[in-house]
């Protein structure tokens, strides 16, 4: 700490903590989707090719988003890109069934 008592705090830690929390929640949601979808698809008797297409529709954009996110981070800054990505993920999770 710079020139202050040990009880002083940095107010910039709160946005960082919120960003970390939303990142963790979106990771859990991503993991939960694969588990839940597999069980639901098996219970409903969906064929394997349909399950593969649905999982592909989820994971192919997920795999490519790292390259897109890296490019956007270079152009606009990682902080903005992470906030926008988390906000978009949370919105899509809320509006999807």
N, C-alpha and C. Protein backbone atom coordinates (compact mmCIF):
# COMPACT_ATOMS: atom_id res chain seq x y z
N UNK A 1 0.84 -1.18 0.00
CA UNK A 1 0.00 0.00 0.00
C UNK A 1 0.88 1.23 0.00
N UNK A 2 0.44 2.21 -0.70
CA UNK A 2 1.24 3.40 -0.89
C UNK A 2 0.91 4.47 0.13
N UNK A 3 1.74 4.69 1.08
CA UNK A 3 1.61 5.81 2.00
C UNK A 3 0.36 5.83 2.84
N UNK A 4 -0.34 4.76 2.93
CA UNK A 4 -1.57 4.77 3.72
C UNK A 4 -1.52 3.72 4.80
N UNK A 5 -2.53 3.72 5.59
CA UNK A 5 -2.60 2.72 6.65
C UNK A 5 -3.02 1.39 6.05
N UNK A 6 -2.88 0.36 6.82
CA UNK A 6 -3.24 -0.97 6.32
C UNK A 6 -4.75 -1.12 6.17
N UNK A 7 -5.52 -0.19 6.70
CA UNK A 7 -6.98 -0.30 6.59
C UNK A 7 -7.51 0.37 5.32
N UNK A 8 -6.66 1.07 4.57
CA UNK A 8 -7.15 1.71 3.34
C UNK A 8 -7.40 0.63 2.29
N UNK A 9 -8.29 0.92 1.37
CA UNK A 9 -8.63 -0.05 0.35
C UNK A 9 -8.61 0.60 -1.03
N UNK A 10 -8.54 -0.22 -2.01
CA UNK A 10 -8.50 0.24 -3.39
C UNK A 10 -9.88 0.06 -4.00
N UNK A 11 -10.59 1.15 -4.35
CA UNK A 11 -11.94 1.00 -4.89
C UNK A 11 -11.96 0.35 -6.28
N UNK A 12 -10.82 0.27 -6.94
CA UNK A 12 -10.78 -0.37 -8.26
C UNK A 12 -10.88 -1.88 -8.18
N UNK A 13 -10.81 -2.44 -7.00
CA UNK A 13 -10.89 -3.90 -6.85
C UNK A 13 -12.32 -4.39 -7.06
N UNK A 14 -13.32 -3.56 -6.82
CA UNK A 14 -14.70 -4.01 -6.92
C UNK A 14 -15.10 -4.36 -8.35
N UNK A 15 -14.81 -3.53 -9.35
CA UNK A 15 -15.13 -3.96 -10.72
C UNK A 15 -14.36 -5.22 -11.13
N UNK A 16 -13.13 -5.33 -10.67
CA UNK A 16 -12.35 -6.52 -10.99
C UNK A 16 -12.96 -7.76 -10.34
N UNK A 17 -13.40 -7.64 -9.10
CA UNK A 17 -14.04 -8.76 -8.42
C UNK A 17 -15.35 -9.15 -9.10
N UNK A 18 -16.11 -8.17 -9.55
CA UNK A 18 -17.36 -8.45 -10.26
C UNK A 18 -17.07 -9.14 -11.59
N UNK A 19 -16.05 -8.69 -12.29
CA UNK A 19 -15.67 -9.32 -13.55
C UNK A 19 -15.23 -10.76 -13.32
N UNK A 20 -14.46 -10.99 -12.29
CA UNK A 20 -14.03 -12.35 -11.97
C UNK A 20 -15.22 -13.24 -11.62
N UNK A 21 -16.15 -12.71 -10.84
CA UNK A 21 -17.33 -13.49 -10.45
C UNK A 21 -18.18 -13.84 -11.67
N UNK A 22 -18.41 -12.88 -12.56
CA UNK A 22 -19.20 -13.19 -13.75
C UNK A 22 -18.47 -14.15 -14.67
N UNK A 23 -17.17 -14.07 -14.74
CA UNK A 23 -16.40 -15.03 -15.55
C UNK A 23 -16.54 -16.44 -15.00
N UNK A 24 -16.48 -16.57 -13.70
CA UNK A 24 -16.63 -17.89 -13.08
C UNK A 24 -18.04 -18.43 -13.31
N UNK A 25 -19.05 -17.57 -13.16
CA UNK A 25 -20.42 -18.01 -13.37
C UNK A 25 -20.67 -18.44 -14.82
N UNK A 26 -20.12 -17.71 -15.78
CA UNK A 26 -20.31 -18.11 -17.17
C UNK A 26 -19.58 -19.41 -17.47
N UNK A 27 -18.46 -19.65 -16.81
CA UNK A 27 -17.77 -20.92 -16.99
C UNK A 27 -18.61 -22.07 -16.44
N UNK A 28 -19.20 -21.88 -15.26
CA UNK A 28 -20.06 -22.91 -14.70
C UNK A 28 -21.27 -23.16 -15.59
N UNK A 29 -21.83 -22.11 -16.15
CA UNK A 29 -22.99 -22.26 -17.04
C UNK A 29 -22.60 -23.04 -18.29
N UNK A 30 -21.43 -22.77 -18.82
CA UNK A 30 -20.96 -23.50 -20.00
C UNK A 30 -20.79 -24.98 -19.68
N UNK A 31 -20.22 -25.28 -18.54
CA UNK A 31 -20.04 -26.66 -18.14
C UNK A 31 -21.38 -27.33 -17.88
N UNK A 32 -22.28 -26.63 -17.23
CA UNK A 32 -23.59 -27.17 -16.93
C UNK A 32 -24.40 -27.49 -18.17
N UNK A 33 -24.24 -26.71 -19.22
CA UNK A 33 -24.98 -26.96 -20.46
C UNK A 33 -24.67 -28.34 -21.01
N UNK A 34 -23.41 -28.70 -21.07
CA UNK A 34 -23.05 -29.99 -21.67
C UNK A 34 -23.61 -31.15 -20.85
N UNK A 35 -23.56 -31.02 -19.54
CA UNK A 35 -24.07 -32.09 -18.69
C UNK A 35 -25.59 -32.18 -18.81
N UNK A 36 -26.26 -31.05 -18.69
CA UNK A 36 -27.72 -31.04 -18.74
C UNK A 36 -28.24 -31.48 -20.11
N UNK A 37 -27.64 -30.96 -21.17
CA UNK A 37 -28.12 -31.33 -22.50
C UNK A 37 -27.96 -32.81 -22.77
N UNK A 38 -26.86 -33.38 -22.36
CA UNK A 38 -26.63 -34.81 -22.58
C UNK A 38 -27.70 -35.64 -21.88
N UNK A 39 -28.02 -35.31 -20.65
CA UNK A 39 -29.04 -36.06 -19.91
C UNK A 39 -30.43 -35.87 -20.52
N UNK A 40 -30.77 -34.66 -20.88
CA UNK A 40 -32.09 -34.39 -21.47
C UNK A 40 -32.21 -35.09 -22.83
N UNK A 41 -31.17 -34.99 -23.64
CA UNK A 41 -31.21 -35.62 -24.97
C UNK A 41 -31.32 -37.14 -24.86
N UNK A 42 -30.62 -37.74 -23.92
CA UNK A 42 -30.73 -39.18 -23.71
C UNK A 42 -32.13 -39.56 -23.23
N UNK A 43 -32.69 -38.77 -22.32
CA UNK A 43 -34.03 -39.06 -21.80
C UNK A 43 -35.10 -38.94 -22.87
N UNK A 44 -34.91 -38.02 -23.80
CA UNK A 44 -35.90 -37.83 -24.86
C UNK A 44 -35.63 -38.72 -26.07
N UNK A 45 -34.52 -39.44 -26.05
CA UNK A 45 -34.21 -40.36 -27.14
C UNK A 45 -33.72 -39.70 -28.42
N UNK A 46 -33.08 -38.56 -28.31
CA UNK A 46 -32.55 -37.90 -29.50
C UNK A 46 -31.43 -38.74 -30.10
N UNK A 47 -31.36 -38.79 -31.42
CA UNK A 47 -30.27 -39.56 -32.06
C UNK A 47 -28.91 -38.89 -31.84
N UNK A 48 -27.87 -39.68 -31.94
CA UNK A 48 -26.52 -39.19 -31.69
C UNK A 48 -26.13 -38.07 -32.65
N UNK A 49 -26.55 -38.16 -33.91
CA UNK A 49 -26.15 -37.12 -34.86
C UNK A 49 -26.77 -35.77 -34.49
N UNK A 50 -27.99 -35.77 -33.98
CA UNK A 50 -28.62 -34.52 -33.54
C UNK A 50 -27.89 -33.96 -32.32
N UNK A 51 -27.55 -34.83 -31.38
CA UNK A 51 -26.80 -34.37 -30.21
C UNK A 51 -25.46 -33.77 -30.63
N UNK A 52 -24.81 -34.41 -31.59
CA UNK A 52 -23.53 -33.89 -32.08
C UNK A 52 -23.66 -32.54 -32.74
N UNK A 53 -24.73 -32.35 -33.51
CA UNK A 53 -24.93 -31.05 -34.17
C UNK A 53 -25.22 -29.95 -33.16
N UNK A 54 -26.03 -30.25 -32.14
CA UNK A 54 -26.34 -29.24 -31.13
C UNK A 54 -25.08 -28.87 -30.35
N UNK A 55 -24.31 -29.89 -29.96
CA UNK A 55 -23.07 -29.60 -29.24
C UNK A 55 -22.09 -28.84 -30.13
N UNK A 56 -22.04 -29.18 -31.41
CA UNK A 56 -21.18 -28.46 -32.35
C UNK A 56 -21.58 -27.01 -32.49
N UNK A 57 -22.89 -26.75 -32.54
CA UNK A 57 -23.38 -25.37 -32.63
C UNK A 57 -22.97 -24.56 -31.40
N UNK A 58 -22.77 -25.24 -30.29
CA UNK A 58 -22.34 -24.56 -29.09
C UNK A 58 -20.83 -24.41 -29.04
N UNK A 59 -20.09 -25.46 -29.38
CA UNK A 59 -18.64 -25.44 -29.16
C UNK A 59 -17.82 -24.83 -30.30
N UNK A 60 -18.27 -24.91 -31.54
CA UNK A 60 -17.49 -24.31 -32.62
C UNK A 60 -17.37 -22.80 -32.45
N UNK A 61 -18.47 -22.09 -32.21
CA UNK A 61 -18.31 -20.64 -31.95
C UNK A 61 -17.50 -20.38 -30.68
N UNK A 62 -17.64 -21.24 -29.69
CA UNK A 62 -16.88 -21.06 -28.45
C UNK A 62 -15.39 -21.17 -28.73
N UNK A 63 -15.00 -22.10 -29.57
CA UNK A 63 -13.58 -22.27 -29.90
C UNK A 63 -13.04 -21.09 -30.70
N UNK A 64 -13.83 -20.57 -31.62
CA UNK A 64 -13.40 -19.46 -32.46
C UNK A 64 -13.39 -18.14 -31.70
N UNK A 65 -14.22 -18.04 -30.67
CA UNK A 65 -14.35 -16.76 -29.96
C UNK A 65 -13.04 -16.32 -29.30
N UNK A 66 -12.14 -17.24 -29.02
CA UNK A 66 -10.84 -16.86 -28.47
C UNK A 66 -10.03 -16.01 -29.42
N UNK A 67 -10.08 -16.36 -30.69
CA UNK A 67 -9.35 -15.57 -31.69
C UNK A 67 -10.01 -14.21 -31.91
N UNK A 68 -11.34 -14.22 -31.96
CA UNK A 68 -12.07 -12.96 -32.14
C UNK A 68 -11.87 -12.07 -30.91
N UNK A 69 -11.96 -12.66 -29.72
CA UNK A 69 -11.76 -11.89 -28.49
C UNK A 69 -10.36 -11.32 -28.39
N UNK A 70 -9.36 -12.09 -28.82
CA UNK A 70 -7.99 -11.58 -28.80
C UNK A 70 -7.80 -10.40 -29.72
N UNK A 71 -8.39 -10.49 -30.91
CA UNK A 71 -8.29 -9.39 -31.86
C UNK A 71 -9.00 -8.14 -31.33
N UNK A 72 -10.21 -8.34 -30.79
CA UNK A 72 -10.94 -7.20 -30.22
C UNK A 72 -10.22 -6.62 -29.01
N UNK A 73 -9.58 -7.48 -28.21
CA UNK A 73 -8.84 -6.99 -27.05
C UNK A 73 -7.66 -6.12 -27.48
N UNK A 74 -7.01 -6.51 -28.55
CA UNK A 74 -5.91 -5.68 -29.05
C UNK A 74 -6.41 -4.33 -29.54
N UNK A 75 -7.61 -4.32 -30.12
CA UNK A 75 -8.14 -3.07 -30.67
C UNK A 75 -8.79 -2.19 -29.60
N UNK A 76 -9.54 -2.79 -28.68
CA UNK A 76 -10.35 -2.00 -27.74
C UNK A 76 -9.94 -2.15 -26.28
N UNK A 77 -9.08 -3.09 -25.98
CA UNK A 77 -8.66 -3.33 -24.60
C UNK A 77 -9.38 -4.52 -24.00
N UNK A 78 -8.64 -5.30 -23.26
CA UNK A 78 -9.18 -6.52 -22.68
C UNK A 78 -10.30 -6.29 -21.69
N UNK A 79 -10.20 -5.20 -20.93
CA UNK A 79 -11.21 -4.88 -19.93
C UNK A 79 -12.59 -4.72 -20.58
N UNK A 80 -12.66 -3.92 -21.63
CA UNK A 80 -13.95 -3.70 -22.32
C UNK A 80 -14.46 -4.97 -22.96
N UNK A 81 -13.57 -5.72 -23.58
CA UNK A 81 -13.99 -6.95 -24.26
C UNK A 81 -14.53 -7.96 -23.26
N UNK A 82 -13.86 -8.11 -22.12
CA UNK A 82 -14.35 -9.07 -21.11
C UNK A 82 -15.71 -8.65 -20.57
N UNK A 83 -15.90 -7.36 -20.30
CA UNK A 83 -17.19 -6.89 -19.81
C UNK A 83 -18.28 -7.15 -20.84
N UNK A 84 -18.02 -6.83 -22.09
CA UNK A 84 -19.02 -7.04 -23.14
C UNK A 84 -19.30 -8.52 -23.35
N UNK A 85 -18.27 -9.34 -23.35
CA UNK A 85 -18.46 -10.78 -23.53
C UNK A 85 -19.27 -11.38 -22.39
N UNK A 86 -18.96 -11.00 -21.17
CA UNK A 86 -19.72 -11.52 -20.04
C UNK A 86 -21.17 -11.03 -20.06
N UNK A 87 -21.37 -9.78 -20.40
CA UNK A 87 -22.73 -9.25 -20.48
C UNK A 87 -23.53 -9.96 -21.56
N UNK A 88 -22.92 -10.21 -22.71
CA UNK A 88 -23.60 -10.92 -23.79
C UNK A 88 -23.92 -12.35 -23.38
N UNK A 89 -22.97 -13.02 -22.73
CA UNK A 89 -23.19 -14.40 -22.29
C UNK A 89 -24.34 -14.47 -21.28
N UNK A 90 -24.35 -13.56 -20.32
CA UNK A 90 -25.39 -13.56 -19.32
C UNK A 90 -26.75 -13.27 -19.95
N UNK A 91 -26.80 -12.32 -20.87
CA UNK A 91 -28.06 -12.02 -21.57
C UNK A 91 -28.56 -13.25 -22.32
N UNK A 92 -27.67 -13.91 -23.07
CA UNK A 92 -28.10 -15.09 -23.83
C UNK A 92 -28.52 -16.23 -22.91
N UNK A 93 -27.86 -16.37 -21.77
CA UNK A 93 -28.26 -17.41 -20.82
C UNK A 93 -29.64 -17.11 -20.23
N UNK A 94 -29.94 -15.85 -20.02
CA UNK A 94 -31.25 -15.48 -19.46
C UNK A 94 -32.38 -15.67 -20.46
N UNK A 95 -32.14 -15.42 -21.73
CA UNK A 95 -33.22 -15.49 -22.72
C UNK A 95 -33.35 -16.88 -23.36
N UNK A 96 -32.39 -17.74 -23.13
CA UNK A 96 -32.50 -19.08 -23.72
C UNK A 96 -33.30 -20.00 -22.80
N UNK A 97 -33.95 -21.00 -23.38
CA UNK A 97 -34.79 -21.89 -22.54
C UNK A 97 -33.99 -22.75 -21.60
